[in-house]
Amino acid sequence: MHSLAQRVSTLSSIVTTFCFAAIALVSIMTLAIPQGSVNSLRFRSSKPIVTLKNTRNYGATKNTPKENARFKFDIVADFSDLVDWNTKQIFTYVYVELDDVFGSDDNKSNKLVVWDKILTEKDKMYINYKNLKSKYSIWDYDPELHGRTGHFKLGYNIQPYVGPLSFGEVDLNNTFTFPATKV
């Protein structure tokens, strides 16, 4: 007859195989279900506030300050169409995409996050903020921001309980030019 250790080993092997098969099935089903979109999207931004910072946190070197910028904006977005039975949370963020200062043909751009929020409750997947200050100030390796153009985008990351992460972005159709430095 089989010993107790062999029986436990066989049972745990069967249970583990079943669990991995269930996880694989859930992952495939999540990929097969079409994803919704962001609804009720409205965005309005004021002009960026550019200041000089003489701290190394913003990439400044000794005696050469860097320009950094902050924003104020209004945002309304409904993420409820992106939620399904396998959604754990949605990480949403507003970022600024700056045009390439060097003018290379690679279409490179800088993506700088100015605000983020994690939405965890399935019945509260709606954001509505007025006159919101940016959570993070932005700076670039180029010593000057003034005169450069950029535009806002809304990005999101859907994090499921089981399966791959899915990413998306929405262009907010809001282009701006950095003003001269405010000392």
Protein backbone atom coordinates (compact mmCIF):
# COMPACT_ATOMS: atom_id res chain seq x y z
CA MET A 1 0.00 0.00 0.00
CA HIS A 2 1.03 3.65 -0.40
CA SER A 3 2.39 5.60 2.52
CA LEU A 4 0.74 8.75 3.90
CA ALA A 5 3.51 10.93 2.41
CA GLN A 6 2.88 9.54 -1.09
CA ARG A 7 -0.86 10.16 -0.79
CA VAL A 8 -0.33 13.76 0.38
CA SER A 9 2.14 14.33 -2.46
CA THR A 10 -0.30 13.00 -5.06
CA LEU A 11 -3.19 15.05 -3.69
CA SER A 12 -1.15 18.26 -3.56
CA SER A 13 0.03 17.66 -7.13
CA ILE A 14 -3.56 17.31 -8.36
CA VAL A 15 -4.73 20.42 -6.44
CA THR A 16 -1.80 22.50 -7.73
CA THR A 17 -2.44 21.40 -11.32
CA PHE A 18 -6.12 22.30 -11.00
CA CYS A 19 -5.28 25.75 -9.55
CA PHE A 20 -2.83 26.56 -12.35
CA ALA A 21 -5.35 25.40 -14.96
CA ALA A 22 -8.02 27.65 -13.42
CA ILE A 23 -5.63 30.62 -13.36
CA ALA A 24 -4.70 30.03 -17.02
CA LEU A 25 -8.40 29.84 -17.98
CA VAL A 26 -9.19 33.10 -16.15
CA SER A 27 -6.22 34.84 -17.85
CA ILE A 28 -7.38 33.71 -21.29
CA MET A 29 -10.96 34.76 -20.58
CA THR A 30 -9.79 38.20 -19.45
CA LEU A 31 -7.90 38.71 -22.71
CA ALA A 32 -10.88 37.55 -24.77
CA ILE A 33 -13.37 40.00 -23.23
CA PRO A 34 -13.31 43.35 -25.06
CA GLN A 35 -12.27 46.32 -22.95
CA GLY A 36 -14.51 49.35 -22.47
CA SER A 37 -13.46 52.98 -22.69
CA VAL A 38 -13.21 56.04 -20.47
CA ASN A 39 -16.52 57.94 -20.46
CA SER A 40 -17.58 61.50 -19.58
CA LEU A 41 -14.07 62.77 -20.16
CA ARG A 42 -13.52 66.51 -19.68
CA PHE A 43 -10.23 68.25 -19.06
CA ARG A 44 -9.26 71.90 -18.68
CA SER A 45 -5.85 73.21 -17.76
CA SER A 46 -4.56 76.59 -16.75
CA LYS A 47 -1.18 77.88 -17.84
CA PRO A 48 1.81 76.11 -16.30
CA ILE A 49 3.70 77.90 -13.55
CA VAL A 50 7.43 77.73 -14.25
CA THR A 51 9.89 78.48 -11.45
CA LEU A 52 13.63 78.16 -10.88
CA LYS A 53 14.76 75.57 -8.33
CA ASN A 54 18.32 75.51 -7.05
CA THR A 55 18.16 72.07 -5.49
CA ARG A 56 19.69 68.82 -6.64
CA ASN A 57 16.30 67.10 -6.41
CA TYR A 58 15.43 68.71 -9.72
CA GLY A 59 18.71 67.92 -11.45
CA ALA A 60 20.39 71.25 -10.75
CA THR A 61 24.12 71.38 -10.42
CA LYS A 62 26.06 73.73 -8.22
CA ASN A 63 25.05 77.37 -8.85
CA THR A 64 22.92 76.52 -11.93
CA PRO A 65 19.23 76.22 -11.07
CA LYS A 66 16.77 74.21 -13.17
CA GLU A 67 13.37 75.25 -14.40
CA ASN A 68 10.50 73.20 -13.11
CA ALA A 69 6.76 73.51 -13.64
CA ARG A 70 3.50 72.83 -11.87
CA PHE A 71 -0.03 72.79 -13.24
CA LYS A 72 -3.60 73.39 -12.14
CA PHE A 73 -6.36 71.57 -13.96
CA ASP A 74 -9.94 70.30 -13.87
CA ILE A 75 -10.64 66.68 -14.75
CA VAL A 76 -13.79 64.57 -14.99
CA ALA A 77 -13.58 60.92 -16.07
CA ASP A 78 -15.68 57.78 -15.63
CA PHE A 79 -13.76 54.48 -15.59
CA SER A 80 -16.74 52.23 -14.77
CA ASP A 81 -16.81 50.69 -18.28
CA LEU A 82 -13.28 49.37 -17.73
CA VAL A 83 -14.29 47.36 -14.65
CA ASP A 84 -15.25 43.69 -14.84
CA TRP A 85 -15.33 40.75 -12.43
CA ASN A 86 -11.54 40.34 -12.57
CA THR A 87 -10.57 43.99 -11.96
CA LYS A 88 -8.73 44.59 -8.71
CA GLN A 89 -7.91 48.28 -9.19
CA ILE A 90 -7.24 50.92 -11.81
CA PHE A 91 -4.15 53.10 -11.61
CA THR A 92 -4.89 56.33 -13.47
CA TYR A 93 -2.51 59.19 -14.16
CA VAL A 94 -2.29 62.47 -16.06
CA TYR A 95 0.96 63.09 -17.83
CA VAL A 96 2.54 65.75 -19.98
CA GLU A 97 4.18 64.71 -23.21
CA LEU A 98 6.85 67.24 -24.16
CA ASP A 99 8.04 67.55 -27.73
CA ASP A 100 11.64 66.54 -28.39
CA VAL A 101 13.88 69.56 -27.85
CA PHE A 102 16.65 68.19 -30.06
CA GLY A 103 14.44 67.74 -33.11
CA SER A 104 15.53 64.19 -33.87
CA ASP A 105 13.63 62.08 -36.38
CA ASP A 106 13.01 59.29 -33.86
CA ASN A 107 9.76 60.94 -32.68
CA LYS A 108 11.01 60.72 -29.12
CA SER A 109 9.15 62.61 -26.46
CA ASN A 110 9.34 62.99 -22.71
CA LYS A 111 6.42 61.66 -20.71
CA LEU A 112 6.24 63.35 -17.32
CA VAL A 113 3.57 62.35 -14.79
CA VAL A 114 1.94 65.29 -13.00
CA TRP A 115 -0.87 63.53 -11.11
CA ASP A 116 -1.98 59.99 -10.26
CA LYS A 117 -4.69 58.15 -8.35
CA ILE A 118 -5.51 54.53 -7.58
CA LEU A 119 -9.19 53.62 -7.89
CA THR A 120 -9.99 50.54 -5.81
CA GLU A 121 -13.73 50.57 -5.12
CA LYS A 122 -15.75 49.24 -8.04
CA ASP A 123 -18.71 51.53 -7.34
CA LYS A 124 -16.47 54.65 -7.18
CA MET A 125 -14.65 54.53 -10.53
CA TYR A 126 -15.47 58.18 -11.24
CA ILE A 127 -13.13 61.14 -10.72
CA ASN A 128 -14.27 64.74 -10.63
CA TYR A 129 -11.77 67.38 -9.52
CA LYS A 130 -11.79 71.12 -9.96
CA ASN A 131 -8.76 73.40 -9.67
CA LEU A 132 -6.55 70.42 -8.78
CA LYS A 133 -2.86 71.16 -8.26
CA SER A 134 -0.38 68.80 -9.85
CA LYS A 135 0.93 66.22 -7.42
CA TYR A 136 4.40 66.27 -8.94
CA SER A 137 6.37 69.14 -10.41
CA ILE A 138 8.13 68.41 -13.67
CA TRP A 139 11.61 69.19 -14.92
CA ASP A 140 13.63 68.09 -17.89
CA TYR A 141 17.28 67.32 -18.50
CA ASP A 142 17.32 70.21 -20.91
CA PRO A 143 18.14 73.31 -18.83
CA GLU A 144 15.14 75.33 -20.07
CA LEU A 145 11.42 74.60 -20.27
CA HIS A 146 10.17 77.99 -21.44
CA GLY A 147 9.11 78.10 -25.06
CA ARG A 148 8.65 74.33 -25.32
CA THR A 149 5.28 72.85 -26.20
CA GLY A 150 3.56 69.84 -24.76
CA HIS A 151 0.18 68.23 -24.41
CA PHE A 152 -1.74 66.37 -21.73
CA LYS A 153 -2.74 62.71 -21.83
CA LEU A 154 -4.64 60.49 -19.44
CA GLY A 155 -3.16 57.04 -18.93
CA TYR A 156 -4.57 54.09 -17.06
CA ASN A 157 -3.44 50.64 -15.98
CA ILE A 158 -6.06 47.99 -15.26
CA GLN A 159 -4.74 45.59 -12.64
CA PRO A 160 -6.65 42.29 -12.51
CA TYR A 161 -6.80 39.75 -9.71
CA VAL A 162 -5.43 37.15 -12.13
CA GLY A 163 -3.94 37.73 -15.57
CA PRO A 164 -1.91 40.28 -17.47
CA LEU A 165 -1.97 44.03 -16.88
CA SER A 166 -3.63 46.12 -19.56
CA PHE A 167 -2.69 49.68 -20.35
CA GLY A 168 -4.51 52.47 -22.16
CA GLU A 169 -4.27 56.17 -22.81
CA VAL A 170 -6.57 58.96 -23.91
CA ASP A 171 -5.41 62.16 -25.56
CA LEU A 172 -6.88 65.10 -23.65
CA ASN A 173 -6.60 67.50 -26.62
CA ASN A 174 -4.95 70.20 -24.54
CA THR A 175 -1.73 71.70 -25.93
CA PHE A 176 0.28 74.35 -24.11
CA THR A 177 3.52 76.32 -24.33
CA PHE A 178 5.66 76.96 -21.26
CA PRO A 179 5.86 80.68 -20.39
CA ALA A 180 9.00 82.52 -19.33
CA THR A 181 10.44 81.65 -15.94
CA LYS A 182 8.81 83.15 -12.86
CA VAL A 183 11.57 84.12 -10.45
